[in-house]
Amino acid sequence: MCAEKIQRFLMAIVLTAAMLLFANNQMLYAMIIQTLVIVMVVVWALFDFCPSLWVFKKVFGKCPQKD
């Protein structure tokens, strides 16, 4: 599997964990997780740099380009 796909799965897993924490009335932890995800996405949008994607590209490599 390649870096971009792993990063998308990781984001979905983290957001699911936050949703489960909300459902279990653990609001503080859920808000912390969601805030971290929001900050990462905003940094990615502003600077076109995602730290997790950078690490995953080093470890797993980039996805092949589709024509």
Protein backbone atom coordinates (compact mmCIF):
# COMPACT_ATOMS: atom_id res chain seq x y z
CA MET A 1 0.00 0.00 0.00
CA CYS A 2 1.24 3.51 -0.72
CA ALA A 3 1.58 6.61 1.47
CA GLU A 4 -1.44 8.57 0.28
CA LYS A 5 -3.85 5.68 0.80
CA ILE A 6 -2.42 4.88 4.23
CA GLN A 7 -2.77 8.53 5.26
CA ARG A 8 -6.44 8.58 4.19
CA PHE A 9 -7.17 5.38 6.10
CA LEU A 10 -5.40 6.77 9.17
CA MET A 11 -7.46 9.97 9.04
CA ALA A 12 -10.67 7.93 8.77
CA ILE A 13 -9.63 5.75 11.73
CA VAL A 14 -8.75 8.77 13.89
CA LEU A 15 -12.05 10.50 13.08
CA THR A 16 -13.93 7.27 13.85
CA ALA A 17 -12.16 7.07 17.21
CA ALA A 18 -13.21 10.66 17.94
CA MET A 19 -16.80 9.81 17.01
CA LEU A 20 -16.78 6.81 19.35
CA LEU A 21 -15.39 8.96 22.16
CA PHE A 22 -18.20 11.47 21.61
CA ALA A 23 -20.73 8.64 21.72
CA ASN A 24 -19.26 7.46 25.03
CA ASN A 25 -19.44 10.97 26.55
CA GLN A 26 -15.68 11.38 26.67
CA MET A 27 -15.94 14.85 25.21
CA LEU A 28 -12.52 16.16 26.24
CA TYR A 29 -10.56 13.42 24.47
CA ALA A 30 -12.82 13.56 21.43
CA MET A 31 -12.36 17.33 21.13
CA ILE A 32 -8.58 17.02 21.48
CA ILE A 33 -8.41 14.41 18.71
CA GLN A 34 -10.68 16.41 16.40
CA THR A 35 -8.72 19.61 17.06
CA LEU A 36 -5.46 17.87 16.13
CA VAL A 37 -6.97 16.56 12.89
CA ILE A 38 -8.37 20.00 12.03
CA VAL A 39 -5.01 21.68 12.69
CA MET A 40 -3.21 19.12 10.52
CA VAL A 41 -5.67 19.64 7.63
CA VAL A 42 -5.41 23.45 7.89
CA VAL A 43 -1.58 23.26 7.90
CA TRP A 44 -1.78 20.95 4.89
CA ALA A 45 -4.08 23.40 3.08
CA LEU A 46 -2.05 26.51 3.88
CA PHE A 47 1.47 25.21 3.36
CA ASP A 48 0.88 22.13 1.18
CA PHE A 49 2.76 20.10 3.79
CA CYS A 50 1.35 17.21 5.79
CA PRO A 51 3.78 15.77 8.38
CA SER A 52 2.13 12.33 8.44
CA LEU A 53 2.14 12.11 4.65
CA TRP A 54 5.81 13.14 4.59
CA VAL A 55 6.69 10.32 7.02
CA PHE A 56 4.57 7.76 5.18
CA LYS A 57 6.22 8.68 1.86
CA LYS A 58 9.63 8.03 3.43
CA VAL A 59 8.52 4.66 4.83
CA PHE A 60 6.10 3.28 2.21
CA GLY A 61 6.80 5.33 -0.92
CA LYS A 62 4.51 7.38 -3.13
CA CYS A 63 1.54 5.99 -5.01
CA PRO A 64 2.14 5.36 -8.70
CA GLN A 65 0.74 8.04 -11.00
CA LYS A 66 -2.40 7.13 -12.93
CA ASP A 67 -2.65 8.11 -16.59
